[in-house]
Amino acid sequence: IGTSEVEMVLATQCLLQRKPQTLDVRVHGRLCAGVTAKDLVLA
């Protein structure tokens, strides 16, 4: 969040937001030797 929103959270514990859409990312298989979670998320 931005600086003005930080102020709002500290003052009220609330924050006005627009409801986001949802994106389902299904990742199948298994990481091979030498391949990491960083490679997974870059992919």
PDB file of all heavy atoms in Angstrom:
ATOM      1  N   ILE A   1       0.844  -1.192   0.000  1.00  0.00           N
ATOM      2  CA  ILE A   1       0.000   0.000   0.000  1.00  0.00           C
ATOM      3  C   ILE A   1       0.881   1.244   0.000  1.00  0.00           C
ATOM      4  O   ILE A   1       2.084   1.172   0.265  1.00  0.00           O
ATOM      5  CB  ILE A   1      -0.961   0.030   1.207  1.00  0.00           C
ATOM      6  CG1 ILE A   1      -0.178  -0.018   2.526  1.00  0.00           C
ATOM      7  CG2 ILE A   1      -1.960  -1.119   1.120  1.00  0.00           C
ATOM      8  CD1 ILE A   1      -1.054   0.086   3.769  1.00  0.00           C
ATOM      9  N   GLY A   2       0.271   2.397  -0.285  1.00  0.00           N
ATOM     10  CA  GLY A   2       0.998   3.661  -0.317  1.00  0.00           C
ATOM     11  C   GLY A   2       1.064   4.319   1.050  1.00  0.00           C
ATOM     12  O   GLY A   2       0.423   3.888   2.012  1.00  0.00           O
ATOM     13  N   THR A   3       1.835   5.409   1.127  1.00  0.00           N
ATOM     14  CA  THR A   3       2.062   6.089   2.404  1.00  0.00           C
ATOM     15  C   THR A   3       0.769   6.596   3.033  1.00  0.00           C
ATOM     16  O   THR A   3       0.540   6.448   4.244  1.00  0.00           O
ATOM     17  CB  THR A   3       3.028   7.271   2.195  1.00  0.00           C
ATOM     18  OG1 THR A   3       4.229   6.776   1.610  1.00  0.00           O
ATOM     19  CG2 THR A   3       3.355   7.948   3.509  1.00  0.00           C
ATOM     20  N   SER A   4      -0.110   7.206   2.236  1.00  0.00           N
ATOM     21  CA  SER A   4      -1.367   7.720   2.791  1.00  0.00           C
ATOM     22  C   SER A   4      -2.242   6.573   3.281  1.00  0.00           C
ATOM     23  O   SER A   4      -2.987   6.716   4.261  1.00  0.00           O
ATOM     24  CB  SER A   4      -2.120   8.545   1.745  1.00  0.00           C
ATOM     25  OG  SER A   4      -2.411   7.764   0.601  1.00  0.00           O
ATOM     26  N   GLU A   5      -2.141   5.411   2.624  1.00  0.00           N
ATOM     27  CA  GLU A   5      -2.916   4.249   3.065  1.00  0.00           C
ATOM     28  C   GLU A   5      -2.361   3.681   4.372  1.00  0.00           C
ATOM     29  O   GLU A   5      -3.120   3.188   5.214  1.00  0.00           O
ATOM     30  CB  GLU A   5      -2.913   3.183   1.972  1.00  0.00           C
ATOM     31  CG  GLU A   5      -3.703   3.575   0.738  1.00  0.00           C
ATOM     32  CD  GLU A   5      -3.610   2.540  -0.363  1.00  0.00           C
ATOM     33  OE1 GLU A   5      -2.478   2.166  -0.741  1.00  0.00           O
ATOM     34  OE2 GLU A   5      -4.663   2.088  -0.843  1.00  0.00           O
ATOM     35  N   VAL A   6      -1.039   3.747   4.539  1.00  0.00           N
ATOM     36  CA  VAL A   6      -0.434   3.329   5.812  1.00  0.00           C
ATOM     37  C   VAL A   6      -1.010   4.166   6.952  1.00  0.00           C
ATOM     38  O   VAL A   6      -1.363   3.655   8.029  1.00  0.00           O
ATOM     39  CB  VAL A   6       1.098   3.451   5.764  1.00  0.00           C
ATOM     40  CG1 VAL A   6       1.699   3.261   7.156  1.00  0.00           C
ATOM     41  CG2 VAL A   6       1.694   2.454   4.785  1.00  0.00           C
ATOM     42  N   GLU A   7      -1.123   5.469   6.713  1.00  0.00           N
ATOM     43  CA  GLU A   7      -1.710   6.366   7.713  1.00  0.00           C
ATOM     44  C   GLU A   7      -3.136   5.945   8.053  1.00  0.00           C
ATOM     45  O   GLU A   7      -3.533   5.904   9.227  1.00  0.00           O
ATOM     46  CB  GLU A   7      -1.696   7.798   7.182  1.00  0.00           C
ATOM     47  CG  GLU A   7      -2.290   8.818   8.136  1.00  0.00           C
ATOM     48  CD  GLU A   7      -2.327  10.212   7.532  1.00  0.00           C
ATOM     49  OE1 GLU A   7      -2.191  10.332   6.292  1.00  0.00           O
ATOM     50  OE2 GLU A   7      -2.503  11.175   8.292  1.00  0.00           O
ATOM     51  N   MET A   8      -3.901   5.582   7.020  1.00  0.00           N
ATOM     52  CA  MET A   8      -5.288   5.182   7.243  1.00  0.00           C
ATOM     53  C   MET A   8      -5.373   3.895   8.055  1.00  0.00           C
ATOM     54  O   MET A   8      -6.208   3.755   8.956  1.00  0.00           O
ATOM     55  CB  MET A   8      -5.995   4.994   5.891  1.00  0.00           C
ATOM     56  CG  MET A   8      -7.478   4.680   5.987  1.00  0.00           C
ATOM     57  SD  MET A   8      -8.431   5.989   6.796  1.00  0.00           S
ATOM     58  CE  MET A   8      -8.245   7.314   5.593  1.00  0.00           C
ATOM     59  N   VAL A   9      -4.496   2.950   7.770  1.00  0.00           N
ATOM     60  CA  VAL A   9      -4.493   1.680   8.503  1.00  0.00           C
ATOM     61  C   VAL A   9      -4.133   1.903   9.971  1.00  0.00           C
ATOM     62  O   VAL A   9      -4.776   1.362  10.882  1.00  0.00           O
ATOM     63  CB  VAL A   9      -3.515   0.682   7.854  1.00  0.00           C
ATOM     64  CG1 VAL A   9      -3.313  -0.539   8.750  1.00  0.00           C
ATOM     65  CG2 VAL A   9      -4.027   0.249   6.484  1.00  0.00           C
ATOM     66  N   LEU A  10      -3.106   2.724  10.210  1.00  0.00           N
ATOM     67  CA  LEU A  10      -2.689   2.980  11.589  1.00  0.00           C
ATOM     68  C   LEU A  10      -3.793   3.698  12.366  1.00  0.00           C
ATOM     69  O   LEU A  10      -3.967   3.468  13.574  1.00  0.00           O
ATOM     70  CB  LEU A  10      -1.405   3.805  11.606  1.00  0.00           C
ATOM     71  CG  LEU A  10      -0.129   3.073  11.188  1.00  0.00           C
ATOM     72  CD1 LEU A  10       1.036   4.045  11.092  1.00  0.00           C
ATOM     73  CD2 LEU A  10       0.213   1.959  12.166  1.00  0.00           C
ATOM     74  N   ALA A  11      -4.545   4.538  11.678  1.00  0.00           N
ATOM     75  CA  ALA A  11      -5.576   5.322  12.366  1.00  0.00           C
ATOM     76  C   ALA A  11      -6.858   4.535  12.586  1.00  0.00           C
ATOM     77  O   ALA A  11      -7.543   4.720  13.602  1.00  0.00           O
ATOM     78  CB  ALA A  11      -5.880   6.592  11.567  1.00  0.00           C
ATOM     79  N   THR A  12      -7.212   3.652  11.646  1.00  0.00           N
ATOM     80  CA  THR A  12      -8.542   3.034  11.684  1.00  0.00           C
ATOM     81  C   THR A  12      -8.553   1.510  11.633  1.00  0.00           C
ATOM     82  O   THR A  12      -9.594   0.900  11.876  1.00  0.00           O
ATOM     83  CB  THR A  12      -9.389   3.537  10.498  1.00  0.00           C
ATOM     84  OG1 THR A  12      -8.858   2.981   9.279  1.00  0.00           O
ATOM     85  CG2 THR A  12      -9.386   5.058  10.419  1.00  0.00           C
ATOM     86  N   GLN A  13      -7.425   0.898  11.269  1.00  0.00           N
ATOM     87  CA  GLN A  13      -7.372  -0.549  11.021  1.00  0.00           C
ATOM     88  C   GLN A  13      -8.268  -0.961   9.848  1.00  0.00           C
ATOM     89  O   GLN A  13      -8.600  -2.137   9.687  1.00  0.00           O
ATOM     90  CB  GLN A  13      -7.758  -1.344  12.273  1.00  0.00           C
ATOM     91  CG  GLN A  13      -6.703  -1.283  13.380  1.00  0.00           C
ATOM     92  CD  GLN A  13      -5.443  -2.036  13.019  1.00  0.00           C
ATOM     93  OE1 GLN A  13      -5.404  -3.253  13.006  1.00  0.00           O
ATOM     94  NE2 GLN A  13      -4.388  -1.283  12.695  1.00  0.00           N
ATOM     95  N   CYS A  14      -8.634  -0.008   9.016  1.00  0.00           N
ATOM     96  CA  CYS A  14      -9.473  -0.276   7.849  1.00  0.00           C
ATOM     97  C   CYS A  14      -8.832   0.326   6.602  1.00  0.00           C
ATOM     98  O   CYS A  14      -8.027   1.253   6.685  1.00  0.00           O
ATOM     99  CB  CYS A  14     -10.878   0.329   8.022  1.00  0.00           C
ATOM    100  SG  CYS A  14     -11.801  -0.370   9.399  1.00  0.00           S
ATOM    101  N   LEU A  15      -9.221  -0.196   5.448  1.00  0.00           N
ATOM    102  CA  LEU A  15      -8.674   0.296   4.186  1.00  0.00           C
ATOM    103  C   LEU A  15      -9.690   0.037   3.074  1.00  0.00           C
ATOM    104  O   LEU A  15     -10.140  -1.103   2.884  1.00  0.00           O
ATOM    105  CB  LEU A  15      -7.356  -0.426   3.877  1.00  0.00           C
ATOM    106  CG  LEU A  15      -6.481   0.141   2.766  1.00  0.00           C
ATOM    107  CD1 LEU A  15      -6.056   1.572   3.081  1.00  0.00           C
ATOM    108  CD2 LEU A  15      -5.246  -0.732   2.587  1.00  0.00           C
ATOM    109  N   LEU A  16     -10.063   1.080   2.370  1.00  0.00           N
ATOM    110  CA  LEU A  16     -11.016   0.940   1.277  1.00  0.00           C
ATOM    111  C   LEU A  16     -10.332   0.296   0.071  1.00  0.00           C
ATOM    112  O   LEU A  16      -9.282   0.758  -0.373  1.00  0.00           O
ATOM    113  CB  LEU A  16     -11.569   2.318   0.897  1.00  0.00           C
ATOM    114  CG  LEU A  16     -12.653   2.341  -0.183  1.00  0.00           C
ATOM    115  CD1 LEU A  16     -13.908   1.635   0.287  1.00  0.00           C
ATOM    116  CD2 LEU A  16     -12.960   3.783  -0.584  1.00  0.00           C
ATOM    117  N   GLN A  17     -10.937  -0.779  -0.449  1.00  0.00           N
ATOM    118  CA  GLN A  17     -10.356  -1.496  -1.585  1.00  0.00           C
ATOM    119  C   GLN A  17     -11.436  -1.881  -2.582  1.00  0.00           C
ATOM    120  O   GLN A  17     -12.609  -2.076  -2.209  1.00  0.00           O
ATOM    121  CB  GLN A  17      -9.666  -2.786  -1.104  1.00  0.00           C
ATOM    122  CG  GLN A  17      -8.439  -2.564  -0.241  1.00  0.00           C
ATOM    123  CD  GLN A  17      -7.247  -2.104  -1.046  1.00  0.00           C
ATOM    124  OE1 GLN A  17      -6.711  -2.837  -1.865  1.00  0.00           O
ATOM    125  NE2 GLN A  17      -6.845  -0.855  -0.833  1.00  0.00           N
ATOM    126  N   ARG A  18     -11.039  -1.993  -3.842  1.00  0.00           N
ATOM    127  CA  ARG A  18     -11.915  -2.591  -4.849  1.00  0.00           C
ATOM    128  C   ARG A  18     -11.702  -4.101  -4.839  1.00  0.00           C
ATOM    129  O   ARG A  18     -10.577  -4.572  -4.746  1.00  0.00           O
ATOM    130  CB  ARG A  18     -11.621  -2.038  -6.239  1.00  0.00           C
ATOM    131  CG  ARG A  18     -12.077  -0.604  -6.444  1.00  0.00           C
ATOM    132  CD  ARG A  18     -11.866  -0.173  -7.895  1.00  0.00           C
ATOM    133  NE  ARG A  18     -12.410   1.158  -8.140  1.00  0.00           N
ATOM    134  CZ  ARG A  18     -11.736   2.287  -7.951  1.00  0.00           C
ATOM    135  NH1 ARG A  18     -10.493   2.242  -7.508  1.00  0.00           N
ATOM    136  NH2 ARG A  18     -12.290   3.459  -8.193  1.00  0.00           N
ATOM    137  N   LYS A  19     -12.774  -4.844  -4.954  1.00  0.00           N
ATOM    138  CA  LYS A  19     -12.650  -6.294  -4.955  1.00  0.00           C
ATOM    139  C   LYS A  19     -11.899  -6.754  -6.207  1.00  0.00           C
ATOM    140  O   LYS A  19     -12.303  -6.431  -7.326  1.00  0.00           O
ATOM    141  CB  LYS A  19     -14.035  -6.942  -4.916  1.00  0.00           C
ATOM    142  CG  LYS A  19     -13.972  -8.464  -4.825  1.00  0.00           C
ATOM    143  CD  LYS A  19     -15.367  -9.073  -4.782  1.00  0.00           C
ATOM    144  CE  LYS A  19     -15.316 -10.584  -4.730  1.00  0.00           C
ATOM    145  NZ  LYS A  19     -16.665 -11.192  -4.711  1.00  0.00           N
ATOM    146  N   PRO A  20     -10.800  -7.497  -6.041  1.00  0.00           N
ATOM    147  CA  PRO A  20     -10.041  -7.951  -7.205  1.00  0.00           C
ATOM    148  C   PRO A  20     -10.680  -9.168  -7.853  1.00  0.00           C
ATOM    149  O   PRO A  20     -11.534  -9.838  -7.254  1.00  0.00           O
ATOM    150  CB  PRO A  20      -8.685  -8.325  -6.601  1.00  0.00           C
ATOM    151  CG  PRO A  20      -9.024  -8.785  -5.220  1.00  0.00           C
ATOM    152  CD  PRO A  20     -10.189  -7.916  -4.774  1.00  0.00           C
ATOM    153  N   GLN A  21     -10.260  -9.462  -9.061  1.00  0.00           N
ATOM    154  CA  GLN A  21     -10.634 -10.717  -9.709  1.00  0.00           C
ATOM    155  C   GLN A  21      -9.704 -11.821  -9.207  1.00  0.00           C
ATOM    156  O   GLN A  21      -8.691 -11.566  -8.554  1.00  0.00           O
ATOM    157  CB  GLN A  21     -10.540 -10.577 -11.234  1.00  0.00           C
ATOM    158  CG  GLN A  21     -11.572  -9.618 -11.817  1.00  0.00           C
ATOM    159  CD  GLN A  21     -11.497  -9.572 -13.330  1.00  0.00           C
ATOM    160  OE1 GLN A  21     -10.524  -9.086 -13.894  1.00  0.00           O
ATOM    161  NE2 GLN A  21     -12.518 -10.071 -13.996  1.00  0.00           N
ATOM    162  N   THR A  22     -10.047 -13.042  -9.529  1.00  0.00           N
ATOM    163  CA  THR A  22      -9.278 -14.185  -9.034  1.00  0.00           C
ATOM    164  C   THR A  22      -8.625 -14.930 -10.195  1.00  0.00           C
ATOM    165  O   THR A  22      -9.230 -15.133 -11.248  1.00  0.00           O
ATOM    166  CB  THR A  22     -10.178 -15.150  -8.255  1.00  0.00           C
ATOM    167  OG1 THR A  22     -11.299 -15.528  -9.070  1.00  0.00           O
ATOM    168  CG2 THR A  22     -10.683 -14.480  -6.989  1.00  0.00           C
ATOM    169  N   LEU A  23      -7.376 -15.345  -9.974  1.00  0.00           N
ATOM    170  CA  LEU A  23      -6.602 -16.061 -10.989  1.00  0.00           C
ATOM    171  C   LEU A  23      -6.032 -17.325 -10.360  1.00  0.00           C
ATOM    172  O   LEU A  23      -5.258 -17.254  -9.401  1.00  0.00           O
ATOM    173  CB  LEU A  23      -5.469 -15.171 -11.522  1.00  0.00           C
ATOM    174  CG  LEU A  23      -4.406 -15.808 -12.418  1.00  0.00           C
ATOM    175  CD1 LEU A  23      -5.044 -16.500 -13.624  1.00  0.00           C
ATOM    176  CD2 LEU A  23      -3.402 -14.761 -12.874  1.00  0.00           C
ATOM    177  N   ASP A  24      -6.439 -18.466 -10.887  1.00  0.00           N
ATOM    178  CA  ASP A  24      -5.988 -19.768 -10.389  1.00  0.00           C
ATOM    179  C   ASP A  24      -4.790 -20.219 -11.222  1.00  0.00           C
ATOM    180  O   ASP A  24      -4.916 -20.442 -12.430  1.00  0.00           O
ATOM    181  CB  ASP A  24      -7.139 -20.774 -10.508  1.00  0.00           C
ATOM    182  CG  ASP A  24      -6.753 -22.151 -10.018  1.00  0.00           C
ATOM    183  OD1 ASP A  24      -5.927 -22.252  -9.094  1.00  0.00           O
ATOM    184  OD2 ASP A  24      -7.291 -23.148 -10.559  1.00  0.00           O
ATOM    185  N   VAL A  25      -3.630 -20.336 -10.596  1.00  0.00           N
ATOM    186  CA  VAL A  25      -2.432 -20.835 -11.279  1.00  0.00           C
ATOM    187  C   VAL A  25      -2.102 -22.203 -10.708  1.00  0.00           C
ATOM    188  O   VAL A  25      -1.671 -22.326  -9.553  1.00  0.00           O
ATOM    189  CB  VAL A  25      -1.239 -19.867 -11.104  1.00  0.00           C
ATOM    190  CG1 VAL A  25       0.022 -20.482 -11.703  1.00  0.00           C
ATOM    191  CG2 VAL A  25      -1.539 -18.533 -11.768  1.00  0.00           C
ATOM    192  N   ARG A  26      -2.325 -23.229 -11.501  1.00  0.00           N
ATOM    193  CA  ARG A  26      -2.050 -24.608 -11.077  1.00  0.00           C
ATOM    194  C   ARG A  26      -0.712 -25.052 -11.671  1.00  0.00           C
ATOM    195  O   ARG A  26      -0.516 -25.016 -12.887  1.00  0.00           O
ATOM    196  CB  ARG A  26      -3.142 -25.547 -11.579  1.00  0.00           C
ATOM    197  CG  ARG A  26      -4.505 -25.257 -11.001  1.00  0.00           C
ATOM    198  CD  ARG A  26      -4.658 -25.798  -9.604  1.00  0.00           C
ATOM    199  NE  ARG A  26      -5.381 -24.855  -8.755  1.00  0.00           N
ATOM    200  CZ  ARG A  26      -5.667 -25.074  -7.489  1.00  0.00           C
ATOM    201  NH1 ARG A  26      -5.275 -26.187  -6.918  1.00  0.00           N
ATOM    202  NH2 ARG A  26      -6.310 -24.178  -6.785  1.00  0.00           N
ATOM    203  N   VAL A  27       0.197 -25.446 -10.800  1.00  0.00           N
ATOM    204  CA  VAL A  27       1.537 -25.846 -11.238  1.00  0.00           C
ATOM    205  C   VAL A  27       1.719 -27.325 -10.923  1.00  0.00           C
ATOM    206  O   VAL A  27       1.627 -27.739  -9.749  1.00  0.00           O
ATOM    207  CB  VAL A  27       2.629 -25.011 -10.541  1.00  0.00           C
ATOM    208  CG1 VAL A  27       3.989 -25.318 -11.155  1.00  0.00           C
ATOM    209  CG2 VAL A  27       2.324 -23.514 -10.653  1.00  0.00           C
ATOM    210  N   HIS A  28       1.979 -28.098 -11.951  1.00  0.00           N
ATOM    211  CA  HIS A  28       2.074 -29.548 -11.807  1.00  0.00           C
ATOM    212  C   HIS A  28       3.507 -30.017 -12.057  1.00  0.00           C
ATOM    213  O   HIS A  28       4.302 -29.353 -12.728  1.00  0.00           O
ATOM    214  CB  HIS A  28       1.118 -30.232 -12.786  1.00  0.00           C
ATOM    215  CG  HIS A  28      -0.294 -29.749 -12.667  1.00  0.00           C
ATOM    216  ND1 HIS A  28      -1.120 -30.094 -11.622  1.00  0.00           N
ATOM    217  CD2 HIS A  28      -1.026 -28.909 -13.462  1.00  0.00           C
ATOM    218  CE1 HIS A  28      -2.299 -29.508 -11.765  1.00  0.00           C
ATOM    219  NE2 HIS A  28      -2.265 -28.783 -12.874  1.00  0.00           N
ATOM    220  N   GLY A  29       3.812 -31.202 -11.546  1.00  0.00           N
ATOM    221  CA  GLY A  29       5.153 -31.762 -11.713  1.00  0.00           C
ATOM    222  C   GLY A  29       5.982 -31.563 -10.466  1.00  0.00           C
ATOM    223  O   GLY A  29       5.460 -31.249  -9.388  1.00  0.00           O
ATOM    224  N   ARG A  30       7.294 -31.722 -10.612  1.00  0.00           N
ATOM    225  CA  ARG A  30       8.192 -31.583  -9.474  1.00  0.00           C
ATOM    226  C   ARG A  30       9.499 -30.965  -9.948  1.00  0.00           C
ATOM    227  O   ARG A  30       9.945 -31.223 -11.070  1.00  0.00           O
ATOM    228  CB  ARG A  30       8.456 -32.951  -8.837  1.00  0.00           C
ATOM    229  CG  ARG A  30       8.896 -32.869  -7.377  1.00  0.00           C
ATOM    230  CD  ARG A  30       8.913 -34.241  -6.720  1.00  0.00           C
ATOM    231  NE  ARG A  30       9.176 -34.125  -5.280  1.00  0.00           N
ATOM    232  CZ  ARG A  30       8.240 -33.980  -4.367  1.00  0.00           C
ATOM    233  NH1 ARG A  30       6.970 -33.920  -4.735  1.00  0.00           N
ATOM    234  NH2 ARG A  30       8.548 -33.879  -3.077  1.00  0.00           N
ATOM    235  N   LEU A  31      10.107 -30.147  -9.091  1.00  0.00           N
ATOM    236  CA  LEU A  31      11.362 -29.492  -9.454  1.00  0.00           C
ATOM    237  C   LEU A  31      12.486 -30.517  -9.570  1.00  0.00           C
ATOM    238  O   LEU A  31      12.668 -31.361  -8.687  1.00  0.00           O
ATOM    239  CB  LEU A  31      11.729 -28.443  -8.402  1.00  0.00           C
ATOM    240  CG  LEU A  31      10.776 -27.251  -8.257  1.00  0.00           C
ATOM    241  CD1 LEU A  31      11.185 -26.407  -7.058  1.00  0.00           C
ATOM    242  CD2 LEU A  31      10.764 -26.408  -9.525  1.00  0.00           C
ATOM    243  N   CYS A  32      13.249 -30.423 -10.647  1.00  0.00           N
ATOM    244  CA  CYS A  32      14.395 -31.300 -10.851  1.00  0.00           C
ATOM    245  C   CYS A  32      15.618 -30.732 -10.125  1.00  0.00           C
ATOM    246  O   CYS A  32      15.615 -29.576  -9.677  1.00  0.00           O
ATOM    247  CB  CYS A  32      14.706 -31.441 -12.337  1.00  0.00           C
ATOM    248  SG  CYS A  32      13.363 -32.188 -13.297  1.00  0.00           S
ATOM    249  N   ALA A  33      16.676 -31.510 -10.019  1.00  0.00           N
ATOM    250  CA  ALA A  33      17.912 -31.060  -9.380  1.00  0.00           C
ATOM    251  C   ALA A  33      18.433 -29.814 -10.093  1.00  0.00           C
ATOM    252  O   ALA A  33      18.466 -29.754 -11.332  1.00  0.00           O
ATOM    253  CB  ALA A  33      18.960 -32.164  -9.434  1.00  0.00           C
ATOM    254  N   GLY A  34      18.822 -28.817  -9.319  1.00  0.00           N
ATOM    255  CA  GLY A  34      19.351 -27.578  -9.883  1.00  0.00           C
ATOM    256  C   GLY A  34      18.296 -26.564 -10.256  1.00  0.00           C
ATOM    257  O   GLY A  34      18.616 -25.445 -10.662  1.00  0.00           O
ATOM    258  N   VAL A  35      17.018 -26.937 -10.125  1.00  0.00           N
ATOM    259  CA  VAL A  35      15.901 -26.051 -10.456  1.00  0.00           C
ATOM    260  C   VAL A  35      15.194 -25.698  -9.154  1.00  0.00           C
ATOM    261  O   VAL A  35      14.961 -26.562  -8.307  1.00  0.00           O
ATOM    262  CB  VAL A  35      14.925 -26.716 -11.437  1.00  0.00           C
ATOM    263  CG1 VAL A  35      13.819 -25.748 -11.845  1.00  0.00           C
ATOM    264  CG2 VAL A  35      15.676 -27.209 -12.674  1.00  0.00           C
ATOM    265  N   THR A  36      14.869 -24.427  -8.975  1.00  0.00           N
ATOM    266  CA  THR A  36      14.365 -23.937  -7.698  1.00  0.00           C
ATOM    267  C   THR A  36      13.005 -23.250  -7.841  1.00  0.00           C
ATOM    268  O   THR A  36      12.487 -23.072  -8.950  1.00  0.00           O
ATOM    269  CB  THR A  36      15.354 -22.922  -7.095  1.00  0.00           C
ATOM    270  OG1 THR A  36      15.288 -21.700  -7.857  1.00  0.00           O
ATOM    271  CG2 THR A  36      16.788 -23.451  -7.115  1.00  0.00           C
ATOM    272  N   ALA A  37      12.484 -22.829  -6.684  1.00  0.00           N
ATOM    273  CA  ALA A  37      11.226 -22.073  -6.687  1.00  0.00           C
ATOM    274  C   ALA A  37      11.365 -20.767  -7.445  1.00  0.00           C
ATOM    275  O   ALA A  37      10.389 -20.261  -8.020  1.00  0.00           O
ATOM    276  CB  ALA A  37      10.768 -21.813  -5.256  1.00  0.00           C
ATOM    277  N   LYS A  38      12.554 -20.188  -7.461  1.00  0.00           N
ATOM    278  CA  LYS A  38      12.781 -18.950  -8.224  1.00  0.00           C
ATOM    279  C   LYS A  38      12.579 -19.218  -9.710  1.00  0.00           C
ATOM    280  O   LYS A  38      11.974 -18.403 -10.425  1.00  0.00           O
ATOM    281  CB  LYS A  38      14.195 -18.436  -7.959  1.00  0.00           C
ATOM    282  CG  LYS A  38      14.555 -17.118  -8.656  1.00  0.00           C
ATOM    283  CD  LYS A  38      13.656 -15.975  -8.184  1.00  0.00           C
ATOM    284  CE  LYS A  38      14.246 -14.615  -8.506  1.00  0.00           C
ATOM    285  NZ  LYS A  38      15.440 -14.311  -7.706  1.00  0.00           N
ATOM    286  N   ASP A  39      13.077 -20.348 -10.183  1.00  0.00           N
ATOM    287  CA  ASP A  39      12.875 -20.710 -11.584  1.00  0.00           C
ATOM    288  C   ASP A  39      11.400 -20.954 -11.869  1.00  0.00           C
ATOM    289  O   ASP A  39      10.882 -20.574 -12.927  1.00  0.00           O
ATOM    290  CB  ASP A  39      13.700 -21.960 -11.921  1.00  0.00           C
ATOM    291  CG  ASP A  39      15.177 -21.771 -11.641  1.00  0.00           C
ATOM    292  OD1 ASP A  39      15.774 -20.854 -12.232  1.00  0.00           O
ATOM    293  OD2 ASP A  39      15.729 -22.525 -10.824  1.00  0.00           O
ATOM    294  N   LEU A  40      10.715 -21.578 -10.904  1.00  0.00           N
ATOM    295  CA  LEU A  40       9.284 -21.847 -11.064  1.00  0.00           C
ATOM    296  C   LEU A  40       8.506 -20.550 -11.249  1.00  0.00           C
ATOM    297  O   LEU A  40       7.703 -20.421 -12.177  1.00  0.00           O
ATOM    298  CB  LEU A  40       8.779 -22.621  -9.843  1.00  0.00           C
ATOM    299  CG  LEU A  40       7.336 -23.123  -9.829  1.00  0.00           C
ATOM    300  CD1 LEU A  40       7.185 -24.266  -8.825  1.00  0.00           C
ATOM    301  CD2 LEU A  40       6.318 -22.033  -9.478  1.00  0.00           C
ATOM    302  N   VAL A  41       8.746 -19.568 -10.381  1.00  0.00           N
ATOM    303  CA  VAL A  41       7.958 -18.339 -10.464  1.00  0.00           C
ATOM    304  C   VAL A  41       8.363 -17.504 -11.681  1.00  0.00           C
ATOM    305  O   VAL A  41       7.517 -16.827 -12.288  1.00  0.00           O
ATOM    306  CB  VAL A  41       8.052 -17.524  -9.161  1.00  0.00           C
ATOM    307  CG1 VAL A  41       9.420 -16.886  -8.973  1.00  0.00           C
ATOM    308  CG2 VAL A  41       6.940 -16.473  -9.109  1.00  0.00           C
ATOM    309  N   LEU A  42       9.627 -17.553 -12.086  1.00  0.00           N
ATOM    310  CA  LEU A  42      10.013 -16.873 -13.324  1.00  0.00           C
ATOM    311  C   LEU A  42       9.288 -17.496 -14.524  1.00  0.00           C
ATOM    312  O   LEU A  42       8.877 -16.788 -15.454  1.00  0.00           O
ATOM    313  CB  LEU A  42      11.521 -16.947 -13.526  1.00  0.00           C
ATOM    314  CG  LEU A  42      12.366 -16.017 -12.648  1.00  0.00           C
ATOM    315  CD1 LEU A  42      13.858 -16.303 -12.853  1.00  0.00           C
ATOM    316  CD2 LEU A  42      12.076 -14.545 -12.946  1.00  0.00           C
ATOM    317  N   ALA A  43       9.107 -18.826 -14.495  1.00  0.00           N
ATOM    318  CA  ALA A  43       8.375 -19.499 -15.570  1.00  0.00           C
ATOM    319  C   ALA A  43       6.910 -19.076 -15.570  1.00  0.00           C
ATOM    320  O   ALA A  43       6.309 -18.877 -16.637  1.00  0.00           O
ATOM    321  CB  ALA A  43       8.496 -21.015 -15.409  1.00  0.00           C
TER     322      ALA A  43
END
